[in-house]
Amino acid sequence: MTKEELEQANEDVIECNLGEKYLQVDYIMVRKLFSTFHLFSDGLKELLEIYDETLAFYPIFLCDNQHMQSVVYWKCVCPALNCIAEGKYKSIDDVVFQSDKIEERFLFRVDFEKQEYFVFDRVLTENILRKEYIGISFQKVEHMI
């Protein structure tokens, strides 16, 4: 899909070749010209909705007409929080977050150096790891004020 299609997609169908045997990952990140799109599987979407009812999800259907298969992913729209403390940071590893601006959020998005990151609370991260979802990895955030 093009960037414009992903930005405007509230429900869309993508024709693709899933193959006879395919591994369905639970998280797909698509980067298109200064924009990042986050697609989640049904199971991961349901878990995220438990922790944050304010997230918006839009279905993206992957359809393989040759093998008569289809898979639904959910495009997640999560507003960015302005919670990064001022400072000169060289990488996302050095960023310091302001906990008072995060409040009780289990999941939020931050923009840093023309990149977009999802930040997960430790409790939510442990739950995701326990369920052994495929295709998602985490980087530990150490700095909070």
N, C-alpha and C. Protein backbone atom coordinates (compact mmCIF):
# COMPACT_ATOMS: atom_id res chain seq x y z
N MET A 1 0.84 -1.18 0.00
CA MET A 1 0.00 0.00 0.00
C MET A 1 0.88 1.24 0.00
N THR A 2 0.37 2.28 -0.56
CA THR A 2 1.09 3.54 -0.56
C THR A 2 0.90 4.23 0.78
N LYS A 3 1.71 5.25 1.03
CA LYS A 3 1.59 6.02 2.26
C LYS A 3 0.20 6.64 2.37
N GLU A 4 -0.30 7.19 1.28
CA GLU A 4 -1.61 7.82 1.29
C GLU A 4 -2.71 6.81 1.61
N GLU A 5 -2.60 5.61 1.04
CA GLU A 5 -3.60 4.57 1.32
C GLU A 5 -3.57 4.17 2.80
N LEU A 6 -2.37 4.03 3.37
CA LEU A 6 -2.26 3.66 4.78
C LEU A 6 -2.78 4.77 5.69
N GLU A 7 -2.53 6.02 5.34
CA GLU A 7 -3.00 7.13 6.16
C GLU A 7 -4.51 7.24 6.15
N GLN A 8 -5.13 6.95 5.02
CA GLN A 8 -6.57 7.12 4.89
C GLN A 8 -7.35 5.84 5.17
N ALA A 9 -6.66 4.72 5.30
CA ALA A 9 -7.35 3.44 5.43
C ALA A 9 -8.06 3.31 6.77
N ASN A 10 -9.36 3.29 6.73
CA ASN A 10 -10.15 2.92 7.89
C ASN A 10 -10.59 1.47 7.78
N GLU A 11 -10.54 0.97 6.58
CA GLU A 11 -10.76 -0.44 6.31
C GLU A 11 -10.26 -0.65 4.89
N ASP A 12 -9.36 -1.58 4.70
CA ASP A 12 -8.81 -1.75 3.37
C ASP A 12 -8.42 -3.21 3.14
N VAL A 13 -8.33 -3.57 1.88
CA VAL A 13 -7.95 -4.91 1.47
C VAL A 13 -6.65 -4.82 0.68
N ILE A 14 -5.70 -5.67 1.04
CA ILE A 14 -4.43 -5.73 0.32
C ILE A 14 -4.31 -7.12 -0.28
N GLU A 15 -4.15 -7.19 -1.58
CA GLU A 15 -3.93 -8.47 -2.22
C GLU A 15 -2.46 -8.83 -2.10
N CYS A 16 -2.18 -10.06 -1.67
CA CYS A 16 -0.81 -10.48 -1.47
C CYS A 16 -0.71 -11.99 -1.64
N ASN A 17 0.51 -12.50 -1.61
CA ASN A 17 0.75 -13.94 -1.70
C ASN A 17 1.18 -14.41 -0.33
N LEU A 18 0.30 -15.10 0.38
CA LEU A 18 0.63 -15.61 1.70
C LEU A 18 1.38 -16.94 1.61
N GLY A 19 1.31 -17.60 0.46
CA GLY A 19 1.97 -18.88 0.30
C GLY A 19 1.16 -20.00 0.93
N GLU A 20 1.57 -21.23 0.64
CA GLU A 20 0.86 -22.37 1.20
C GLU A 20 1.09 -22.48 2.70
N LYS A 21 2.32 -22.26 3.12
CA LYS A 21 2.65 -22.30 4.54
C LYS A 21 3.27 -20.95 4.88
N TYR A 22 2.67 -20.24 5.79
CA TYR A 22 3.19 -18.94 6.16
C TYR A 22 3.15 -18.79 7.68
N LEU A 23 4.04 -17.98 8.18
CA LEU A 23 4.09 -17.67 9.59
C LEU A 23 3.43 -16.32 9.78
N GLN A 24 2.38 -16.27 10.54
CA GLN A 24 1.68 -15.02 10.78
C GLN A 24 2.25 -14.36 12.03
N VAL A 25 2.95 -13.25 11.83
CA VAL A 25 3.48 -12.51 12.96
C VAL A 25 2.37 -11.69 13.60
N ASP A 26 2.59 -11.30 14.84
CA ASP A 26 1.57 -10.55 15.57
C ASP A 26 1.75 -9.04 15.48
N TYR A 27 2.90 -8.60 14.97
CA TYR A 27 3.16 -7.17 14.87
C TYR A 27 3.93 -6.89 13.59
N ILE A 28 3.46 -5.91 12.84
CA ILE A 28 4.14 -5.46 11.62
C ILE A 28 4.27 -3.95 11.70
N MET A 29 5.49 -3.47 11.52
CA MET A 29 5.72 -2.03 11.46
C MET A 29 6.06 -1.68 10.02
N VAL A 30 5.33 -0.73 9.46
CA VAL A 30 5.54 -0.31 8.07
C VAL A 30 5.98 1.15 8.10
N ARG A 31 7.14 1.41 7.52
CA ARG A 31 7.63 2.79 7.43
C ARG A 31 7.49 3.27 6.00
N LYS A 32 6.84 4.40 5.85
CA LYS A 32 6.63 5.00 4.54
C LYS A 32 6.87 6.50 4.64
N LEU A 33 7.96 6.99 4.08
CA LEU A 33 8.25 8.41 3.93
C LEU A 33 7.85 9.24 5.15
N PHE A 34 8.61 9.15 6.21
CA PHE A 34 8.43 9.92 7.44
C PHE A 34 7.17 9.56 8.22
N SER A 35 6.54 8.46 7.89
CA SER A 35 5.38 7.98 8.63
C SER A 35 5.61 6.53 9.00
N THR A 36 5.10 6.16 10.15
CA THR A 36 5.20 4.78 10.62
C THR A 36 3.80 4.28 10.91
N PHE A 37 3.51 3.06 10.47
CA PHE A 37 2.21 2.46 10.69
C PHE A 37 2.42 1.16 11.47
N HIS A 38 1.57 0.94 12.45
CA HIS A 38 1.68 -0.22 13.33
C HIS A 38 0.46 -1.12 13.10
N LEU A 39 0.72 -2.36 12.71
CA LEU A 39 -0.33 -3.32 12.45
C LEU A 39 -0.22 -4.46 13.47
N PHE A 40 -1.34 -4.80 14.09
CA PHE A 40 -1.36 -5.83 15.13
C PHE A 40 -2.32 -6.95 14.73
N SER A 41 -1.99 -8.17 15.17
CA SER A 41 -2.87 -9.32 14.95
C SER A 41 -4.10 -9.19 15.85
N ASP A 42 -5.09 -10.04 15.59
CA ASP A 42 -6.31 -10.05 16.41
C ASP A 42 -6.00 -10.22 17.90
N GLY A 43 -5.18 -11.23 18.21
CA GLY A 43 -4.88 -11.52 19.61
C GLY A 43 -4.19 -10.38 20.32
N LEU A 44 -3.20 -9.79 19.68
CA LEU A 44 -2.47 -8.68 20.29
C LEU A 44 -3.36 -7.45 20.41
N LYS A 45 -4.19 -7.21 19.42
CA LYS A 45 -5.14 -6.08 19.48
C LYS A 45 -6.08 -6.23 20.67
N GLU A 46 -6.61 -7.43 20.87
CA GLU A 46 -7.52 -7.66 21.99
C GLU A 46 -6.85 -7.41 23.33
N LEU A 47 -5.59 -7.81 23.46
CA LEU A 47 -4.85 -7.57 24.69
C LEU A 47 -4.63 -6.07 24.90
N LEU A 48 -4.23 -5.36 23.86
CA LEU A 48 -3.99 -3.93 23.98
C LEU A 48 -5.27 -3.18 24.35
N GLU A 49 -6.40 -3.62 23.84
CA GLU A 49 -7.68 -2.97 24.17
C GLU A 49 -8.03 -3.12 25.65
N ILE A 50 -7.58 -4.19 26.27
CA ILE A 50 -7.83 -4.38 27.70
C ILE A 50 -7.08 -3.31 28.50
N TYR A 51 -5.87 -3.00 28.07
CA TYR A 51 -5.05 -2.04 28.80
C TYR A 51 -5.34 -0.59 28.43
N ASP A 52 -5.85 -0.34 27.25
CA ASP A 52 -6.10 1.04 26.83
C ASP A 52 -7.32 1.08 25.91
N GLU A 53 -8.43 1.56 26.44
CA GLU A 53 -9.67 1.63 25.67
C GLU A 53 -9.70 2.80 24.70
N THR A 54 -8.74 3.70 24.79
CA THR A 54 -8.75 4.89 23.94
C THR A 54 -8.08 4.66 22.59
N LEU A 55 -7.42 3.53 22.39
CA LEU A 55 -6.74 3.26 21.12
C LEU A 55 -7.77 3.05 20.02
N ALA A 56 -7.44 3.53 18.83
CA ALA A 56 -8.32 3.32 17.67
C ALA A 56 -7.67 2.28 16.77
N PHE A 57 -8.45 1.30 16.32
CA PHE A 57 -7.97 0.24 15.44
C PHE A 57 -8.82 0.21 14.18
N TYR A 58 -8.17 0.03 13.03
CA TYR A 58 -8.86 -0.07 11.75
C TYR A 58 -8.39 -1.35 11.05
N PRO A 59 -9.32 -2.15 10.51
CA PRO A 59 -8.93 -3.43 9.91
C PRO A 59 -8.24 -3.26 8.56
N ILE A 60 -7.20 -4.06 8.39
CA ILE A 60 -6.50 -4.19 7.11
C ILE A 60 -6.53 -5.68 6.77
N PHE A 61 -7.16 -6.03 5.67
CA PHE A 61 -7.32 -7.43 5.30
C PHE A 61 -6.26 -7.82 4.27
N LEU A 62 -5.46 -8.83 4.58
CA LEU A 62 -4.50 -9.39 3.64
C LEU A 62 -5.18 -10.58 2.97
N CYS A 63 -5.33 -10.53 1.66
CA CYS A 63 -6.07 -11.58 0.94
C CYS A 63 -5.17 -12.23 -0.11
N ASP A 64 -5.11 -13.55 -0.06
CA ASP A 64 -4.39 -14.34 -1.04
C ASP A 64 -5.43 -15.11 -1.84
N ASN A 65 -5.79 -14.57 -3.00
CA ASN A 65 -6.83 -15.19 -3.82
C ASN A 65 -6.39 -16.52 -4.41
N GLN A 66 -5.09 -16.65 -4.68
CA GLN A 66 -4.58 -17.89 -5.26
C GLN A 66 -4.72 -19.07 -4.30
N HIS A 67 -4.42 -18.85 -3.03
CA HIS A 67 -4.50 -19.92 -2.03
C HIS A 67 -5.78 -19.85 -1.20
N MET A 68 -6.67 -18.91 -1.54
CA MET A 68 -7.96 -18.75 -0.86
C MET A 68 -7.77 -18.58 0.66
N GLN A 69 -6.87 -17.65 1.02
CA GLN A 69 -6.61 -17.37 2.43
C GLN A 69 -6.75 -15.87 2.66
N SER A 70 -7.12 -15.52 3.86
CA SER A 70 -7.13 -14.11 4.24
C SER A 70 -6.78 -13.99 5.72
N VAL A 71 -6.15 -12.87 6.06
CA VAL A 71 -5.73 -12.58 7.43
C VAL A 71 -6.09 -11.13 7.71
N VAL A 72 -6.58 -10.87 8.90
CA VAL A 72 -6.89 -9.49 9.27
C VAL A 72 -5.81 -8.98 10.23
N TYR A 73 -5.35 -7.78 9.96
CA TYR A 73 -4.47 -7.05 10.87
C TYR A 73 -5.19 -5.76 11.24
N TRP A 74 -4.76 -5.14 12.31
CA TRP A 74 -5.42 -3.93 12.79
C TRP A 74 -4.41 -2.80 12.85
N LYS A 75 -4.68 -1.75 12.07
CA LYS A 75 -3.85 -0.55 12.12
C LYS A 75 -4.19 0.20 13.39
N CYS A 76 -3.18 0.45 14.21
CA CYS A 76 -3.39 1.12 15.49
C CYS A 76 -3.05 2.60 15.37
N VAL A 77 -3.98 3.43 15.81
CA VAL A 77 -3.77 4.86 15.85
C VAL A 77 -3.69 5.26 17.32
N CYS A 78 -2.50 5.71 17.70
CA CYS A 78 -2.24 6.06 19.09
C CYS A 78 -1.64 7.47 19.11
N PRO A 79 -2.26 8.41 19.81
CA PRO A 79 -1.72 9.76 19.82
C PRO A 79 -0.35 9.82 20.50
N ALA A 80 0.50 10.71 20.01
CA ALA A 80 1.84 10.87 20.58
C ALA A 80 1.76 11.71 21.85
N LEU A 81 2.54 11.30 22.85
CA LEU A 81 2.65 12.08 24.08
C LEU A 81 3.92 12.93 24.02
N ASN A 82 3.82 14.14 24.50
CA ASN A 82 4.99 15.01 24.59
C ASN A 82 5.54 14.84 26.01
N CYS A 83 6.27 13.76 26.24
CA CYS A 83 6.72 13.42 27.59
C CYS A 83 8.23 13.24 27.69
N ILE A 84 8.96 13.65 26.66
CA ILE A 84 10.42 13.53 26.69
C ILE A 84 10.97 14.78 27.35
N ALA A 85 11.78 14.58 28.40
CA ALA A 85 12.41 15.71 29.09
C ALA A 85 13.40 16.39 28.16
N GLU A 86 13.52 17.71 28.29
CA GLU A 86 14.43 18.45 27.43
C GLU A 86 15.87 18.03 27.69
N GLY A 87 16.63 17.95 26.61
CA GLY A 87 18.03 17.57 26.72
C GLY A 87 18.57 17.23 25.36
N LYS A 88 19.86 17.03 25.29
CA LYS A 88 20.51 16.64 24.03
C LYS A 88 20.76 15.14 24.09
N TYR A 89 19.99 14.42 23.28
CA TYR A 89 20.06 12.97 23.28
C TYR A 89 20.68 12.49 21.98
N LYS A 90 21.53 11.48 22.09
CA LYS A 90 22.17 10.92 20.90
C LYS A 90 21.35 9.77 20.31
N SER A 91 20.61 9.08 21.16
CA SER A 91 19.79 7.96 20.68
C SER A 91 18.60 7.80 21.61
N ILE A 92 17.67 6.95 21.20
CA ILE A 92 16.48 6.69 22.02
C ILE A 92 16.87 6.04 23.35
N ASP A 93 18.03 5.38 23.41
CA ASP A 93 18.49 4.76 24.65
C ASP A 93 18.76 5.80 25.74
N ASP A 94 19.10 7.03 25.36
CA ASP A 94 19.46 8.08 26.31
C ASP A 94 18.28 8.93 26.75
N VAL A 95 17.15 8.79 26.10
CA VAL A 95 15.99 9.66 26.35
C VAL A 95 15.49 9.50 27.79
N VAL A 96 15.14 10.63 28.38
CA VAL A 96 14.55 10.63 29.72
C VAL A 96 13.09 11.03 29.58
N PHE A 97 12.21 10.21 30.15
CA PHE A 97 10.77 10.47 30.09
C PHE A 97 10.29 11.15 31.37
N GLN A 98 9.31 12.01 31.25
CA GLN A 98 8.70 12.67 32.39
C GLN A 98 7.49 11.85 32.82
N SER A 99 7.60 11.19 33.96
CA SER A 99 6.54 10.28 34.40
C SER A 99 5.23 10.99 34.70
N ASP A 100 5.29 12.26 35.11
CA ASP A 100 4.04 12.98 35.42
C ASP A 100 3.20 13.23 34.17
N LYS A 101 3.82 13.27 32.98
CA LYS A 101 3.07 13.45 31.74
C LYS A 101 2.54 12.12 31.19
N ILE A 102 3.12 11.04 31.64
CA ILE A 102 2.69 9.71 31.18
C ILE A 102 1.47 9.25 31.96
N GLU A 103 1.41 9.61 33.23
CA GLU A 103 0.33 9.24 34.14
C GLU A 103 0.20 7.73 34.22
N GLU A 104 -0.99 7.21 34.03
CA GLU A 104 -1.26 5.77 34.18
C GLU A 104 -1.37 5.06 32.83
N ARG A 105 -0.68 5.54 31.82
CA ARG A 105 -0.76 4.94 30.48
C ARG A 105 0.05 3.66 30.44
N PHE A 106 -0.52 2.60 29.87
CA PHE A 106 0.18 1.35 29.67
C PHE A 106 0.87 1.31 28.32
N LEU A 107 0.40 2.15 27.40
CA LEU A 107 0.95 2.19 26.04
C LEU A 107 0.82 3.61 25.53
N PHE A 108 1.92 4.13 24.97
CA PHE A 108 1.85 5.44 24.34
C PHE A 108 2.91 5.52 23.25
N ARG A 109 2.79 6.56 22.44
CA ARG A 109 3.70 6.76 21.32
C ARG A 109 4.50 8.02 21.55
N VAL A 110 5.79 7.98 21.20
CA VAL A 110 6.63 9.17 21.26
C VAL A 110 7.31 9.34 19.91
N ASP A 111 7.57 10.59 19.57
CA ASP A 111 8.31 10.92 18.36
C ASP A 111 9.68 11.42 18.79
N PHE A 112 10.73 10.83 18.21
CA PHE A 112 12.10 11.22 18.55
C PHE A 112 12.96 11.11 17.30
N GLU A 113 13.59 12.23 16.92
CA GLU A 113 14.52 12.26 15.79
C GLU A 113 13.90 11.66 14.52
N LYS A 114 12.73 12.15 14.15
CA LYS A 114 12.03 11.72 12.93
C LYS A 114 11.67 10.23 12.96
N GLN A 115 11.69 9.63 14.11
CA GLN A 115 11.29 8.24 14.30
C GLN A 115 10.10 8.21 15.25
N GLU A 116 9.35 7.16 15.17
CA GLU A 116 8.18 6.98 16.02
C GLU A 116 8.38 5.69 16.82
N TYR A 117 8.09 5.75 18.12
CA TYR A 117 8.26 4.58 18.98
C TYR A 117 7.01 4.37 19.80
N PHE A 118 6.66 3.11 20.02
CA PHE A 118 5.62 2.76 20.98
C PHE A 118 6.34 2.43 22.28
N VAL A 119 5.82 2.94 23.39
CA VAL A 119 6.39 2.66 24.71
C VAL A 119 5.34 1.88 25.49
N PHE A 120 5.75 0.71 25.98
CA PHE A 120 4.85 -0.17 26.72
C PHE A 120 5.23 -0.17 28.19
N ASP A 121 4.26 -0.15 29.06
CA ASP A 121 4.47 -0.29 30.49
C ASP A 121 5.02 -1.70 30.78
N ARG A 122 5.76 -1.83 31.87
CA ARG A 122 6.36 -3.12 32.23
C ARG A 122 5.32 -4.22 32.39
N VAL A 123 4.19 -3.91 33.00
CA VAL A 123 3.13 -4.90 33.22
C VAL A 123 2.60 -5.42 31.88
N LEU A 124 2.33 -4.51 30.97
CA LEU A 124 1.84 -4.91 29.64
C LEU A 124 2.91 -5.70 28.89
N THR A 125 4.15 -5.27 28.98
CA THR A 125 5.25 -5.97 28.31
C THR A 125 5.38 -7.40 28.82
N GLU A 126 5.31 -7.58 30.12
CA GLU A 126 5.41 -8.93 30.70
C GLU A 126 4.25 -9.80 30.23
N ASN A 127 3.07 -9.24 30.12
CA ASN A 127 1.91 -9.99 29.64
C ASN A 127 2.10 -10.41 28.18
N ILE A 128 2.60 -9.50 27.36
CA ILE A 128 2.87 -9.82 25.94
C ILE A 128 3.92 -10.92 25.84
N LEU A 129 4.99 -10.81 26.62
CA LEU A 129 6.06 -11.82 26.57
C LEU A 129 5.55 -13.18 27.05
N ARG A 130 4.70 -13.18 28.05
CA ARG A 130 4.16 -14.43 28.58
C ARG A 130 3.30 -15.15 27.54
N LYS A 131 2.62 -14.39 26.70
CA LYS A 131 1.76 -14.99 25.67
C LYS A 131 2.54 -15.40 24.42
N GLU A 132 3.83 -15.06 24.37
CA GLU A 132 4.74 -15.47 23.28
C GLU A 132 4.25 -15.05 21.90
N TYR A 133 3.88 -13.78 21.77
CA TYR A 133 3.53 -13.25 20.46
C TYR A 133 4.77 -13.23 19.57
N ILE A 134 4.56 -13.35 18.28
CA ILE A 134 5.66 -13.43 17.31
C ILE A 134 5.83 -12.10 16.60
N GLY A 135 7.09 -11.67 16.44
CA GLY A 135 7.38 -10.49 15.63
C GLY A 135 7.49 -9.19 16.39
N ILE A 136 7.46 -9.23 17.70
CA ILE A 136 7.56 -8.01 18.49
C ILE A 136 8.74 -8.15 19.44
N SER A 137 9.54 -7.10 19.49
CA SER A 137 10.68 -7.11 20.41
C SER A 137 10.66 -5.81 21.21
N PHE A 138 11.31 -5.84 22.35
CA PHE A 138 11.28 -4.71 23.26
C PHE A 138 12.68 -4.23 23.58
N GLN A 139 12.77 -2.95 23.87
CA GLN A 139 14.02 -2.33 24.28
C GLN A 139 13.73 -1.67 25.62
N LYS A 140 14.54 -1.96 26.62
CA LYS A 140 14.27 -1.47 27.97
C LYS A 140 14.51 0.05 28.06
N VAL A 141 13.54 0.73 28.69
CA VAL A 141 13.66 2.16 28.95
C VAL A 141 14.03 2.31 30.41
N GLU A 142 15.14 2.98 30.68
CA GLU A 142 15.65 3.05 32.03
C GLU A 142 15.44 4.41 32.69
N HIS A 143 15.25 5.44 31.92
CA HIS A 143 15.33 6.79 32.45
C HIS A 143 13.96 7.44 32.61
N MET A 144 13.58 7.70 33.86
CA MET A 144 12.32 8.38 34.15
C MET A 144 12.60 9.42 35.25
N ILE A 145 11.91 10.55 35.13
CA ILE A 145 11.99 11.54 36.19
C ILE A 145 10.60 11.88 36.67
